[in-house]
Amino acid sequence: MARPERQRVLEILENLPEPLWAEVVEFVEFLRWRHGIPETAQLSEPALARAWLTPEEDDAWQSL
C-alpha cells in the first residue's frame, strides 16, 4: 500500500492541468539536485566506464 503522502501527490498529479506539467518536472529536478539524488544515467557511468574504456573497445571503434 502506498504511503499517504505518495498517494496524495499522485492524486494531485492526476488532476493537474497539462500546462503545469513542465513546472512540476522542473521542481522535481530541483529537489533531486538539492538533495543530491543523481540521475539514473549518472548512476550507471562507473559501470559503463569499466565496460567501455578498454583498449579492446578502442580498437573496435577505430574502423568507424
PDB file of N, CA and C in Angstrom:
ATOM      1  N   MET A   1       0.842  -1.194   0.000  1.00  0.00           N
ATOM      2  CA  MET A   1       0.000   0.000   0.000  1.00  0.00           C
ATOM      3  C   MET A   1       0.881   1.250   0.000  1.00  0.00           C
ATOM      4  N   ALA A   2       0.498   2.215  -0.803  1.00  0.00           N
ATOM      5  CA  ALA A   2       1.283   3.439  -0.930  1.00  0.00           C
ATOM      6  C   ALA A   2       1.170   4.285   0.337  1.00  0.00           C
ATOM      7  N   ARG A   3       2.239   4.977   0.632  1.00  0.00           N
ATOM      8  CA  ARG A   3       2.210   5.903   1.769  1.00  0.00           C
ATOM      9  C   ARG A   3       1.223   7.014   1.475  1.00  0.00           C
ATOM     10  N   PRO A   4       0.613   7.593   2.523  1.00  0.00           N
ATOM     11  CA  PRO A   4      -0.395   8.651   2.301  1.00  0.00           C
ATOM     12  C   PRO A   4       0.144   9.835   1.505  1.00  0.00           C
ATOM     13  N   GLU A   5       1.400  10.232   1.743  1.00  0.00           N
ATOM     14  CA  GLU A   5       1.965  11.374   1.019  1.00  0.00           C
ATOM     15  C   GLU A   5       2.086  11.054  -0.461  1.00  0.00           C
ATOM     16  N   ARG A   6       2.551   9.855  -0.743  1.00  0.00           N
ATOM     17  CA  ARG A   6       2.711   9.441  -2.145  1.00  0.00           C
ATOM     18  C   ARG A   6       1.355   9.405  -2.844  1.00  0.00           C
ATOM     19  N   GLN A   7       0.367   8.842  -2.163  1.00  0.00           N
ATOM     20  CA  GLN A   7      -0.970   8.764  -2.741  1.00  0.00           C
ATOM     21  C   GLN A   7      -1.533  10.156  -2.993  1.00  0.00           C
ATOM     22  N   ARG A   8      -1.308  11.065  -2.077  1.00  0.00           N
ATOM     23  CA  ARG A   8      -1.805  12.441  -2.229  1.00  0.00           C
ATOM     24  C   ARG A   8      -1.158  13.121  -3.432  1.00  0.00           C
ATOM     25  N   VAL A   9       0.146  12.944  -3.574  1.00  0.00           N
ATOM     26  CA  VAL A   9       0.859  13.537  -4.716  1.00  0.00           C
ATOM     27  C   VAL A   9       0.313  12.965  -6.023  1.00  0.00           C
ATOM     28  N   LEU A  10       0.099  11.657  -6.064  1.00  0.00           N
ATOM     29  CA  LEU A  10      -0.425  11.039  -7.281  1.00  0.00           C
ATOM     30  C   LEU A  10      -1.821  11.558  -7.618  1.00  0.00           C
ATOM     31  N   GLU A  11      -2.649  11.761  -6.608  1.00  0.00           N
ATOM     32  CA  GLU A  11      -3.991  12.315  -6.838  1.00  0.00           C
ATOM     33  C   GLU A  11      -3.904  13.736  -7.396  1.00  0.00           C
ATOM     34  N   ILE A  12      -3.014  14.527  -6.837  1.00  0.00           N
ATOM     35  CA  ILE A  12      -2.845  15.905  -7.323  1.00  0.00           C
ATOM     36  C   ILE A  12      -2.379  15.893  -8.777  1.00  0.00           C
ATOM     37  N   LEU A  13      -1.393  15.052  -9.069  1.00  0.00           N
ATOM     38  CA  LEU A  13      -0.855  14.990 -10.434  1.00  0.00           C
ATOM     39  C   LEU A  13      -1.902  14.526 -11.446  1.00  0.00           C
ATOM     40  N   GLU A  14      -2.734  13.592 -11.045  1.00  0.00           N
ATOM     41  CA  GLU A  14      -3.768  13.106 -11.960  1.00  0.00           C
ATOM     42  C   GLU A  14      -4.719  14.213 -12.391  1.00  0.00           C
ATOM     43  N   ASN A  15      -4.912  15.202 -11.543  1.00  0.00           N
ATOM     44  CA  ASN A  15      -5.863  16.281 -11.837  1.00  0.00           C
ATOM     45  C   ASN A  15      -5.182  17.585 -12.252  1.00  0.00           C
ATOM     46  N   LEU A  16      -3.886  17.534 -12.440  1.00  0.00           N
ATOM     47  CA  LEU A  16      -3.148  18.748 -12.775  1.00  0.00           C
ATOM     48  C   LEU A  16      -3.339  19.107 -14.249  1.00  0.00           C
ATOM     49  N   PRO A  17      -3.610  20.377 -14.534  1.00  0.00           N
ATOM     50  CA  PRO A  17      -3.731  20.785 -15.938  1.00  0.00           C
ATOM     51  C   PRO A  17      -2.411  20.568 -16.690  1.00  0.00           C
ATOM     52  N   GLU A  18      -2.516  20.150 -17.915  1.00  0.00           N
ATOM     53  CA  GLU A  18      -1.350  19.844 -18.748  1.00  0.00           C
ATOM     54  C   GLU A  18      -0.308  20.972 -18.803  1.00  0.00           C
ATOM     55  N   PRO A  19      -0.713  22.246 -18.901  1.00  0.00           N
ATOM     56  CA  PRO A  19       0.298  23.310 -18.990  1.00  0.00           C
ATOM     57  C   PRO A  19       1.219  23.411 -17.762  1.00  0.00           C
ATOM     58  N   LEU A  20       0.828  22.831 -16.649  1.00  0.00           N
ATOM     59  CA  LEU A  20       1.653  22.919 -15.437  1.00  0.00           C
ATOM     60  C   LEU A  20       2.673  21.794 -15.318  1.00  0.00           C
ATOM     61  N   TRP A  21       2.596  20.797 -16.180  1.00  0.00           N
ATOM     62  CA  TRP A  21       3.494  19.657 -16.070  1.00  0.00           C
ATOM     63  C   TRP A  21       4.969  20.041 -16.202  1.00  0.00           C
ATOM     64  N   ALA A  22       5.285  20.970 -17.070  1.00  0.00           N
ATOM     65  CA  ALA A  22       6.688  21.385 -17.239  1.00  0.00           C
ATOM     66  C   ALA A  22       7.232  21.969 -15.935  1.00  0.00           C
ATOM     67  N   GLU A  23       6.410  22.734 -15.236  1.00  0.00           N
ATOM     68  CA  GLU A  23       6.844  23.312 -13.956  1.00  0.00           C
ATOM     69  C   GLU A  23       7.040  22.226 -12.905  1.00  0.00           C
ATOM     70  N   VAL A  24       6.184  21.223 -12.923  1.00  0.00           N
ATOM     71  CA  VAL A  24       6.311  20.122 -11.972  1.00  0.00           C
ATOM     72  C   VAL A  24       7.625  19.390 -12.199  1.00  0.00           C
ATOM     73  N   VAL A  25       7.930  19.088 -13.445  1.00  0.00           N
ATOM     74  CA  VAL A  25       9.173  18.395 -13.771  1.00  0.00           C
ATOM     75  C   VAL A  25      10.371  19.232 -13.324  1.00  0.00           C
ATOM     76  N   GLU A  26      10.333  20.512 -13.599  1.00  0.00           N
ATOM     77  CA  GLU A  26      11.428  21.412 -13.202  1.00  0.00           C
ATOM     78  C   GLU A  26      11.614  21.408 -11.688  1.00  0.00           C
ATOM     79  N   PHE A  27      10.501  21.450 -10.944  1.00  0.00           N
ATOM     80  CA  PHE A  27      10.576  21.465  -9.489  1.00  0.00           C
ATOM     81  C   PHE A  27      11.116  20.145  -8.941  1.00  0.00           C
ATOM     82  N   VAL A  28      10.675  19.037  -9.503  1.00  0.00           N
ATOM     83  CA  VAL A  28      11.158  17.738  -9.044  1.00  0.00           C
ATOM     84  C   VAL A  28      12.653  17.606  -9.334  1.00  0.00           C
ATOM     85  N   GLU A  29      13.093  18.062 -10.491  1.00  0.00           N
ATOM     86  CA  GLU A  29      14.522  18.030 -10.811  1.00  0.00           C
ATOM     87  C   GLU A  29      15.312  18.901  -9.839  1.00  0.00           C
ATOM     88  N   PHE A  30      14.764  20.055  -9.467  1.00  0.00           N
ATOM     89  CA  PHE A  30      15.411  20.907  -8.487  1.00  0.00           C
ATOM     90  C   PHE A  30      15.538  20.186  -7.142  1.00  0.00           C
ATOM     91  N   LEU A  31      14.472  19.531  -6.705  1.00  0.00           N
ATOM     92  CA  LEU A  31      14.512  18.803  -5.436  1.00  0.00           C
ATOM     93  C   LEU A  31      15.559  17.695  -5.471  1.00  0.00           C
ATOM     94  N   ARG A  32      15.611  16.970  -6.580  1.00  0.00           N
ATOM     95  CA  ARG A  32      16.619  15.912  -6.704  1.00  0.00           C
ATOM     96  C   ARG A  32      18.024  16.497  -6.617  1.00  0.00           C
ATOM     97  N   TRP A  33      18.254  17.621  -7.293  1.00  0.00           N
ATOM     98  CA  TRP A  33      19.569  18.272  -7.256  1.00  0.00           C
ATOM     99  C   TRP A  33      19.889  18.741  -5.835  1.00  0.00           C
ATOM    100  N   ARG A  34      18.933  19.393  -5.187  1.00  0.00           N
ATOM    101  CA  ARG A  34      19.142  19.955  -3.852  1.00  0.00           C
ATOM    102  C   ARG A  34      19.481  18.876  -2.826  1.00  0.00           C
ATOM    103  N   HIS A  35      18.909  17.713  -2.990  1.00  0.00           N
ATOM    104  CA  HIS A  35      19.138  16.630  -2.041  1.00  0.00           C
ATOM    105  C   HIS A  35      20.202  15.644  -2.516  1.00  0.00           C
ATOM    106  N   GLY A  36      20.867  15.979  -3.613  1.00  0.00           N
ATOM    107  CA  GLY A  36      21.987  15.173  -4.087  1.00  0.00           C
ATOM    108  C   GLY A  36      21.593  13.827  -4.654  1.00  0.00           C
ATOM    109  N   ILE A  37      20.407  13.737  -5.232  1.00  0.00           N
ATOM    110  CA  ILE A  37      19.959  12.480  -5.831  1.00  0.00           C
ATOM    111  C   ILE A  37      20.348  12.509  -7.303  1.00  0.00           C
ATOM    112  N   PRO A  38      21.299  11.662  -7.698  1.00  0.00           N
ATOM    113  CA  PRO A  38      21.767  11.698  -9.084  1.00  0.00           C
ATOM    114  C   PRO A  38      20.757  11.114 -10.055  1.00  0.00           C
ATOM    115  N   GLU A  39      20.890  11.529 -11.290  1.00  0.00           N
ATOM    116  CA  GLU A  39      20.063  10.988 -12.361  1.00  0.00           C
ATOM    117  C   GLU A  39      20.481   9.542 -12.613  1.00  0.00           C
ATOM    118  N   THR A  40      19.606   8.754 -13.150  1.00  0.00           N
ATOM    119  CA  THR A  40      19.879   7.350 -13.429  1.00  0.00           C
ATOM    120  C   THR A  40      21.107   7.201 -14.314  1.00  0.00           C
ATOM    121  N   ALA A  41      21.245   8.061 -15.300  1.00  0.00           N
ATOM    122  CA  ALA A  41      22.400   7.971 -16.202  1.00  0.00           C
ATOM    123  C   ALA A  41      23.699   8.146 -15.434  1.00  0.00           C
ATOM    124  N   GLN A  42      23.717   9.037 -14.465  1.00  0.00           N
ATOM    125  CA  GLN A  42      24.929   9.252 -13.684  1.00  0.00           C
ATOM    126  C   GLN A  42      25.258   8.031 -12.835  1.00  0.00           C
ATOM    127  N   LEU A  43      24.241   7.325 -12.367  1.00  0.00           N
ATOM    128  CA  LEU A  43      24.479   6.141 -11.557  1.00  0.00           C
ATOM    129  C   LEU A  43      25.153   5.038 -12.359  1.00  0.00           C
ATOM    130  N   SER A  44      24.896   4.985 -13.658  1.00  0.00           N
ATOM    131  CA  SER A  44      25.441   3.909 -14.479  1.00  0.00           C
ATOM    132  C   SER A  44      26.823   4.232 -15.042  1.00  0.00           C
ATOM    133  N   GLU A  45      27.297   5.459 -14.909  1.00  0.00           N
ATOM    134  CA  GLU A  45      28.576   5.842 -15.511  1.00  0.00           C
ATOM    135  C   GLU A  45      29.742   4.962 -15.086  1.00  0.00           C
ATOM    136  N   PRO A  46      29.928   4.655 -13.797  1.00  0.00           N
ATOM    137  CA  PRO A  46      31.074   3.813 -13.429  1.00  0.00           C
ATOM    138  C   PRO A  46      31.032   2.431 -14.075  1.00  0.00           C
ATOM    139  N   ALA A  47      29.853   1.835 -14.119  1.00  0.00           N
ATOM    140  CA  ALA A  47      29.734   0.513 -14.729  1.00  0.00           C
ATOM    141  C   ALA A  47      30.024   0.575 -16.222  1.00  0.00           C
ATOM    142  N   LEU A  48      29.509   1.597 -16.881  1.00  0.00           N
ATOM    143  CA  LEU A  48      29.748   1.737 -18.314  1.00  0.00           C
ATOM    144  C   LEU A  48      31.211   2.026 -18.593  1.00  0.00           C
ATOM    145  N   ALA A  49      31.833   2.807 -17.748  1.00  0.00           N
ATOM    146  CA  ALA A  49      33.246   3.131 -17.949  1.00  0.00           C
ATOM    147  C   ALA A  49      34.103   1.865 -17.900  1.00  0.00           C
ATOM    148  N   ARG A  50      33.805   0.976 -16.960  1.00  0.00           N
ATOM    149  CA  ARG A  50      34.573  -0.273 -16.868  1.00  0.00           C
ATOM    150  C   ARG A  50      34.420  -1.109 -18.138  1.00  0.00           C
ATOM    151  N   ALA A  51      33.240  -1.079 -18.725  1.00  0.00           N
ATOM    152  CA  ALA A  51      32.991  -1.890 -19.919  1.00  0.00           C
ATOM    153  C   ALA A  51      33.519  -1.221 -21.182  1.00  0.00           C
ATOM    154  N   TRP A  52      33.438   0.085 -21.245  1.00  0.00           N
ATOM    155  CA  TRP A  52      33.736   0.786 -22.492  1.00  0.00           C
ATOM    156  C   TRP A  52      35.132   1.390 -22.568  1.00  0.00           C
ATOM    157  N   LEU A  53      35.703   1.740 -21.473  1.00  0.00           N
ATOM    158  CA  LEU A  53      37.016   2.390 -21.505  1.00  0.00           C
ATOM    159  C   LEU A  53      38.118   1.342 -21.421  1.00  0.00           C
ATOM    160  N   THR A  54      38.212   0.555 -22.468  1.00  0.00           N
ATOM    161  CA  THR A  54      39.211  -0.507 -22.545  1.00  0.00           C
ATOM    162  C   THR A  54      39.925  -0.421 -23.886  1.00  0.00           C
ATOM    163  N   PRO A  55      41.139  -0.935 -23.946  1.00  0.00           N
ATOM    164  CA  PRO A  55      41.854  -0.948 -25.226  1.00  0.00           C
ATOM    165  C   PRO A  55      41.092  -1.738 -26.294  1.00  0.00           C
ATOM    166  N   GLU A  56      40.438  -2.829 -25.899  1.00  0.00           N
ATOM    167  CA  GLU A  56      39.679  -3.629 -26.858  1.00  0.00           C
ATOM    168  C   GLU A  56      38.532  -2.815 -27.465  1.00  0.00           C
ATOM    169  N   GLU A  57      37.875  -2.053 -26.640  1.00  0.00           N
ATOM    170  CA  GLU A  57      36.761  -1.231 -27.123  1.00  0.00           C
ATOM    171  C   GLU A  57      37.287  -0.140 -28.064  1.00  0.00           C
ATOM    172  N   ASP A  58      38.415   0.476 -27.707  1.00  0.00           N
ATOM    173  CA  ASP A  58      39.018   1.487 -28.582  1.00  0.00           C
ATOM    174  C   ASP A  58      39.368   0.891 -29.946  1.00  0.00           C
ATOM    175  N   ASP A  59      39.942  -0.306 -29.944  1.00  0.00           N
ATOM    176  CA  ASP A  59      40.287  -0.976 -31.196  1.00  0.00           C
ATOM    177  C   ASP A  59      39.050  -1.239 -32.042  1.00  0.00           C
ATOM    178  N   ALA A  60      37.973  -1.634 -31.401  1.00  0.00           N
ATOM    179  CA  ALA A  60      36.755  -1.945 -32.139  1.00  0.00           C
ATOM    180  C   ALA A  60      36.190  -0.718 -32.855  1.00  0.00           C
ATOM    181  N   TRP A  61      36.406   0.456 -32.303  1.00  0.00           N
ATOM    182  CA  TRP A  61      35.855   1.675 -32.892  1.00  0.00           C
ATOM    183  C   TRP A  61      36.790   2.351 -33.895  1.00  0.00           C
ATOM    184  N   GLN A  62      37.996   1.882 -34.037  1.00  0.00           N
ATOM    185  CA  GLN A  62      38.975   2.507 -34.922  1.00  0.00           C
ATOM    186  C   GLN A  62      38.514   2.538 -36.375  1.00  0.00           C
ATOM    187  N   SER A  63      37.784   1.522 -36.818  1.00  0.00           N
ATOM    188  CA  SER A  63      37.414   1.441 -38.232  1.00  0.00           C
ATOM    189  C   SER A  63      36.190   2.302 -38.576  1.00  0.00           C
ATOM    190  N   LEU A  64      35.569   2.902 -37.611  1.00  0.00           N
ATOM    191  CA  LEU A  64      34.365   3.712 -37.905  1.00  0.00           C
ATOM    192  C   LEU A  64      34.691   5.149 -38.185  1.00  0.00           C
TER     193      LEU A  64
END
